[in-house]
N, C-alpha and C. Protein backbone atom coordinates (compact mmCIF):
# COMPACT_ATOMS: atom_id res chain seq x y z
N UNK A 1 18.33 2.51 -6.52
CA UNK A 1 16.61 2.28 -7.04
C UNK A 1 18.03 0.49 -7.16
N UNK A 2 16.65 -0.10 -7.00
CA UNK A 2 16.52 -1.63 -6.77
C UNK A 2 15.25 -2.03 -7.45
N UNK A 3 15.09 -3.19 -7.79
CA UNK A 3 14.67 -4.23 -8.43
C UNK A 3 13.55 -5.34 -7.42
N UNK A 4 12.35 -5.04 -6.95
CA UNK A 4 11.85 -5.52 -5.50
C UNK A 4 10.33 -6.24 -5.74
N UNK A 5 10.16 -7.89 -5.72
CA UNK A 5 9.89 -8.57 -5.96
C UNK A 5 8.00 -7.86 -4.93
N UNK A 6 7.91 -7.88 -5.97
CA UNK A 6 6.24 -7.01 -5.88
C UNK A 6 5.78 -7.68 -4.69
N UNK A 7 5.90 -9.32 -4.01
CA UNK A 7 5.07 -9.34 -2.99
C UNK A 7 6.28 -8.94 -1.27
N UNK A 8 6.64 -7.62 -1.68
CA UNK A 8 7.79 -7.38 -1.04
C UNK A 8 6.63 -5.96 0.09
N UNK A 9 5.94 -5.64 -1.73
CA UNK A 9 5.31 -4.36 -0.96
C UNK A 9 3.90 -4.81 -1.41
N UNK A 10 3.79 -5.07 -1.96
CA UNK A 10 2.05 -5.73 -2.25
C UNK A 10 1.84 -7.41 -1.70
N UNK A 11 1.08 -8.25 -0.53
CA UNK A 11 1.34 -9.44 -0.28
C UNK A 11 0.35 -9.66 -1.24
N UNK A 12 -1.01 -10.60 -1.42
CA UNK A 12 -1.49 -10.23 -2.16
C UNK A 12 -1.42 -10.92 -3.45
N UNK A 13 -2.11 -11.41 -4.28
CA UNK A 13 -2.35 -11.05 -4.87
C UNK A 13 -3.53 -11.05 -5.26
N UNK A 14 -4.25 -10.35 -4.86
CA UNK A 14 -5.31 -9.24 -4.81
C UNK A 14 -5.92 -7.97 -5.01
N UNK A 15 -4.40 -7.46 -4.08
CA UNK A 15 -3.79 -6.19 -4.67
C UNK A 15 -3.52 -6.63 -5.65
N UNK A 16 -1.28 -7.46 -5.87
CA UNK A 16 -1.04 -6.86 -7.70
C UNK A 16 -2.02 -7.16 -8.56
N UNK A 17 -3.11 -7.81 -8.60
CA UNK A 17 -4.00 -8.03 -9.45
C UNK A 17 -4.86 -6.33 -10.07
N UNK A 18 -5.08 -5.66 -8.12
CA UNK A 18 -5.23 -4.31 -8.38
C UNK A 18 -3.87 -3.58 -8.85
N UNK A 19 -2.76 -3.32 -8.77
CA UNK A 19 -2.60 -2.46 -9.14
C UNK A 19 -2.03 -2.41 -10.41
N UNK A 20 -1.84 -4.12 -11.29
CA UNK A 20 -2.17 -4.46 -12.83
C UNK A 20 -3.65 -3.14 -13.00
N UNK A 21 -4.78 -3.57 -13.34
CA UNK A 21 -5.45 -2.51 -13.51
C UNK A 21 -5.66 -1.48 -12.80
N UNK A 22 -5.02 -0.92 -11.85
CA UNK A 22 -5.00 0.31 -11.59
C UNK A 22 -5.79 1.11 -10.27
N UNK A 23 -6.29 -0.01 -9.57
CA UNK A 23 -7.35 0.56 -8.21
C UNK A 23 -6.33 0.48 -7.12
N UNK A 24 -5.30 0.18 -7.02
CA UNK A 24 -4.44 -0.04 -6.10
C UNK A 24 -2.47 0.89 -6.39
N UNK A 25 -2.67 1.66 -6.14
CA UNK A 25 -1.94 2.78 -6.77
C UNK A 25 -0.60 3.52 -5.46
N UNK A 26 -1.12 2.85 -4.01
CA UNK A 26 0.18 2.60 -3.34
C UNK A 26 -1.15 2.11 -1.49
N UNK A 27 -0.22 1.32 -1.15
CA UNK A 27 -0.46 1.24 0.37
C UNK A 27 0.89 1.61 1.57
N UNK A 28 -0.40 1.68 2.81
CA UNK A 28 0.46 1.09 3.48
C UNK A 28 0.95 0.14 4.50
N UNK A 29 2.27 0.28 5.01
CA UNK A 29 2.98 -0.99 6.11
C UNK A 29 3.55 -0.30 7.25
N UNK A 30 3.50 -1.68 7.55
CA UNK A 30 3.76 -0.77 9.13
C UNK A 30 5.60 -0.70 9.46
N UNK A 31 6.20 -0.74 7.79
CA UNK A 31 7.08 -0.22 8.18
C UNK A 31 7.46 -0.42 6.67
N UNK A 32 8.19 0.58 7.07
CA UNK A 32 9.32 0.49 5.43
C UNK A 32 9.61 -0.31 3.80
N UNK A 33 9.28 -0.97 2.88
CA UNK A 33 9.31 -1.76 2.27
C UNK A 33 9.92 -2.00 1.13
N UNK A 34 10.36 -0.61 0.54
CA UNK A 34 10.29 0.41 -0.28
C UNK A 34 11.02 1.20 -0.89
N UNK A 35 12.23 1.30 -1.99
CA UNK A 35 12.82 3.03 -1.22
C UNK A 35 12.57 3.33 -2.81
N UNK A 36 11.79 4.68 -2.23
CA UNK A 36 11.33 5.92 -4.21
C UNK A 36 12.42 5.70 -5.52
N UNK A 37 11.79 4.70 -5.61
CA UNK A 37 12.53 4.83 -7.00
C UNK A 37 12.33 3.16 -7.32
N UNK A 38 11.57 2.74 -6.28
CA UNK A 38 12.75 1.33 -6.67
C UNK A 38 11.14 1.11 -7.72
N UNK A 39 11.74 -0.43 -7.80
CA UNK A 39 10.77 -0.93 -9.38
C UNK A 39 10.11 -2.15 -9.12
N UNK A 40 8.97 -2.84 -9.65
CA UNK A 40 8.73 -3.80 -9.20
C UNK A 40 7.82 -4.45 -10.71
N UNK A 41 8.34 -5.90 -11.11
CA UNK A 41 7.68 -5.77 -12.25
C UNK A 41 6.75 -7.59 -11.58
N UNK A 42 4.94 -6.89 -11.99
CA UNK A 42 3.49 -7.59 -11.94
C UNK A 42 3.54 -8.02 -13.61
N UNK A 43 3.42 -9.41 -13.88
CA UNK A 43 2.90 -9.80 -15.55
C UNK A 43 3.85 -8.87 -16.57
N UNK A 44 5.22 -8.49 -16.47
CA UNK A 44 6.16 -7.81 -17.21
C UNK A 44 5.26 -6.35 -17.35
N UNK A 45 4.37 -5.64 -15.79
CA UNK A 45 4.50 -4.65 -15.98
C UNK A 45 4.63 -4.23 -14.62
N UNK A 46 5.80 -2.92 -15.53
CA UNK A 46 6.88 -2.10 -14.43
C UNK A 46 6.25 -0.80 -13.67
N UNK A 47 6.16 -1.67 -12.54
CA UNK A 47 6.30 -0.09 -11.39
C UNK A 47 7.51 1.31 -10.87
N UNK A 48 6.79 2.14 -10.83
CA UNK A 48 7.83 2.41 -9.53
C UNK A 48 7.73 3.45 -8.92
N UNK A 49 8.62 3.21 -7.33
CA UNK A 49 8.33 3.98 -5.88
C UNK A 49 8.50 5.28 -6.42
N UNK A 50 7.53 5.80 -6.23
CA UNK A 50 7.34 7.45 -6.05
C UNK A 50 7.71 8.09 -4.98
N UNK A 51 6.59 7.71 -4.24
CA UNK A 51 6.49 8.43 -3.00
C UNK A 51 6.58 7.12 -1.72
N UNK A 52 7.43 7.13 -0.69
CA UNK A 52 8.15 6.83 0.46
C UNK A 52 8.12 7.80 2.05
N UNK A 53 6.75 7.79 2.96
CA UNK A 53 6.80 8.61 4.25
C UNK A 53 6.50 7.76 4.63
N UNK A 54 6.40 8.83 6.75
CA UNK A 54 5.81 8.21 7.39
C UNK A 54 4.51 8.96 7.66
N UNK A 55 3.37 8.44 7.83
CA UNK A 55 2.20 8.32 8.00
C UNK A 55 1.87 8.82 9.46
N UNK A 56 1.02 9.15 9.98
CA UNK A 56 0.01 8.18 11.19
C UNK A 56 -1.14 7.23 10.22
N UNK A 57 -1.78 6.62 11.08
CA UNK A 57 -2.97 6.46 11.07
C UNK A 57 -4.19 6.91 10.99
N UNK A 58 -4.47 8.40 11.64
CA UNK A 58 -4.67 8.91 11.98
C UNK A 58 -4.74 10.14 10.27
N UNK A 59 -3.48 9.90 9.98
CA UNK A 59 -4.06 10.86 8.73
C UNK A 59 -4.89 10.06 7.58
N UNK A 60 -5.22 9.32 7.80
CA UNK A 60 -5.90 8.38 6.50
C UNK A 60 -7.42 9.60 6.65
N UNK A 61 -7.42 8.74 4.90
CA UNK A 61 -8.15 9.53 4.67
C UNK A 61 -9.42 8.84 3.23
N UNK A 62 -10.77 9.54 3.34
CA UNK A 62 -11.16 7.92 2.14
C UNK A 62 -11.17 7.39 1.10
N UNK A 63 -9.85 9.20 0.73
CA UNK A 63 -9.16 8.66 -0.61
C UNK A 63 -7.59 7.48 -0.51
N UNK A 64 -7.14 7.62 0.62
CA UNK A 64 -6.50 7.04 0.87
C UNK A 64 -6.89 5.71 0.30
N UNK A 65 -7.71 5.88 1.24
CA UNK A 65 -8.25 3.28 1.18
C UNK A 65 -8.68 3.33 -0.01
N UNK A 66 -9.03 3.99 -0.56
CA UNK A 66 -9.57 4.44 -2.47
C UNK A 66 -8.49 4.22 -2.90
N UNK A 67 -7.20 4.01 -3.06
CA UNK A 67 -6.04 4.54 -3.53
C UNK A 67 -5.66 2.54 -3.36
N UNK A 68 -6.58 1.73 -1.50
CA UNK A 68 -5.83 1.25 -1.59
C UNK A 68 -6.66 0.04 -1.81
N UNK A 69 -7.79 0.23 -2.78
CA UNK A 69 -8.53 -0.43 -3.96
C UNK A 69 -10.36 -0.44 -2.73
N UNK A 70 -10.34 -0.21 -1.42
CA UNK A 70 -10.81 0.25 -0.31
C UNK A 70 -12.38 0.88 -1.19
N UNK A 71 -13.74 0.79 -0.66
CA UNK A 71 -14.29 1.60 -0.71
C UNK A 71 -14.49 3.55 -0.56
N UNK A 72 -13.85 3.08 1.21
CA UNK A 72 -13.78 3.93 2.47
C UNK A 72 -12.90 4.00 3.88
N UNK A 73 -12.82 4.85 4.06
CA UNK A 73 -11.33 4.11 6.02
C UNK A 73 -12.48 3.04 6.18
N UNK A 74 -12.87 2.90 6.32
CA UNK A 74 -14.26 2.14 7.66
C UNK A 74 -13.59 1.21 6.66
N UNK A 75 -14.09 0.81 5.55
CA UNK A 75 -13.81 -0.40 4.67
C UNK A 75 -12.62 -0.47 4.94
N UNK A 76 -11.90 -0.50 4.96
CA UNK A 76 -10.47 -0.39 5.13
C UNK A 76 -9.81 -0.65 6.57
N UNK A 77 -9.94 -0.39 7.43
CA UNK A 77 -10.21 -0.23 9.09
C UNK A 77 -10.73 -1.25 9.21
N UNK A 78 -11.60 -1.32 8.97
CA UNK A 78 -12.60 -3.51 9.08
C UNK A 78 -11.08 -4.49 8.30
N UNK A 79 -10.40 -4.58 7.17
CA UNK A 79 -9.31 -4.84 6.21
C UNK A 79 -9.07 -5.68 7.81
N UNK A 80 -8.25 -4.49 7.60
CA UNK A 80 -6.66 -4.64 9.08
C UNK A 80 -7.22 -5.13 9.90
N UNK A 81 -8.12 -4.59 10.42
CA UNK A 81 -8.68 -5.79 11.64
C UNK A 81 -8.98 -7.15 11.78
N UNK A 82 -9.93 -7.79 10.28
CA UNK A 82 -9.82 -9.16 9.93
C UNK A 82 -7.66 -9.14 9.22
N UNK A 83 -6.99 -8.84 8.57
CA UNK A 83 -5.36 -9.23 8.23
C UNK A 83 -4.68 -9.49 9.39
N UNK A 84 -4.55 -8.62 10.53
CA UNK A 84 -3.43 -8.53 11.67
C UNK A 84 -4.21 -9.02 12.11
N UNK A 85 -3.30 -10.11 13.53
CA UNK A 85 -4.89 -10.29 14.83
C UNK A 85 -3.73 -9.52 15.83
N UNK A 86 -5.23 -9.37 16.72
CA UNK A 86 -4.75 -8.38 17.73
C UNK A 86 -4.58 -6.46 16.94
N UNK A 87 -4.74 -6.76 15.90
CA UNK A 87 -4.50 -4.29 15.77
C UNK A 87 -6.25 -4.85 15.95
N UNK A 88 -5.92 -3.47 16.54
CA UNK A 88 -6.40 -2.17 16.62
C UNK A 88 -6.47 -0.69 16.99
N UNK A 89 -7.28 -0.32 15.63
CA UNK A 89 -6.69 0.48 14.82
C UNK A 89 -6.18 1.86 16.42
N UNK A 90 -5.44 2.68 16.53
CA UNK A 90 -5.17 3.37 16.72
C UNK A 90 -4.79 5.01 15.90
N UNK A 91 -5.16 6.24 15.84
CA UNK A 91 -4.91 7.41 15.07
C UNK A 91 -2.70 7.80 15.42
N UNK A 92 -2.93 7.30 16.50
CA UNK A 92 -0.97 7.90 16.52
C UNK A 92 -0.12 6.55 15.85
N UNK A 93 -0.92 5.20 15.55
CA UNK A 93 -0.10 4.80 14.63
C UNK A 93 1.50 5.07 13.58
N UNK A 94 2.46 4.46 14.34
CA UNK A 94 3.25 4.86 12.84
C UNK A 94 2.98 4.52 11.85
N UNK A 95 2.27 5.07 10.67
CA UNK A 95 2.38 4.02 9.41
C UNK A 95 3.49 4.54 7.62
N UNK A 96 4.01 3.99 7.59
CA UNK A 96 4.89 4.09 6.11
C UNK A 96 3.96 4.10 4.66
N UNK A 97 3.84 5.43 4.01
CA UNK A 97 2.80 5.24 3.01
C UNK A 97 4.25 5.31 1.76
N UNK A 98 3.95 3.55 0.73
CA UNK A 98 4.09 4.43 -0.88
C UNK A 98 2.91 4.30 -1.55
N UNK A 99 3.69 4.69 -2.42
CA UNK A 99 3.04 5.25 -3.76
C UNK A 99 3.40 4.68 -4.99
N UNK A 100 3.42 4.37 -6.01
CA UNK A 100 3.32 3.60 -7.17
C UNK A 100 2.90 4.03 -8.35
N UNK A 101 3.37 3.97 -10.14
CA UNK A 101 3.03 4.42 -11.01
C UNK A 101 3.54 3.38 -11.76
N UNK A 102 2.42 2.93 -12.65
CA UNK A 102 3.03 2.08 -14.29
C UNK A 102 4.33 3.34 -14.99
N UNK A 103 4.61 2.28 -15.40
CA UNK A 103 6.31 2.61 -16.30
C UNK A 103 5.59 3.07 -17.06
């Protein structure tokens, strides 16, 4: 178990605020940025990483998008395309799920 910087897992202030509000409870990243049981703190609130596992973009659902603060998977896809240069959605692309809860 390690204490990590919140920005390592949640790269934007918006996502960190959404985690505090409880509207973001997971994030998919291109690489693993935390281990299960790692913790991070945002404004005196501590979170614990509860699940880390590999998936593909094709595995993602509307529920995953909603857990990342988006309305649906289509909106999530568009966000990724805006946020990453030369990004093209490929169902076979591997990503790493990081789920977390407030302690």
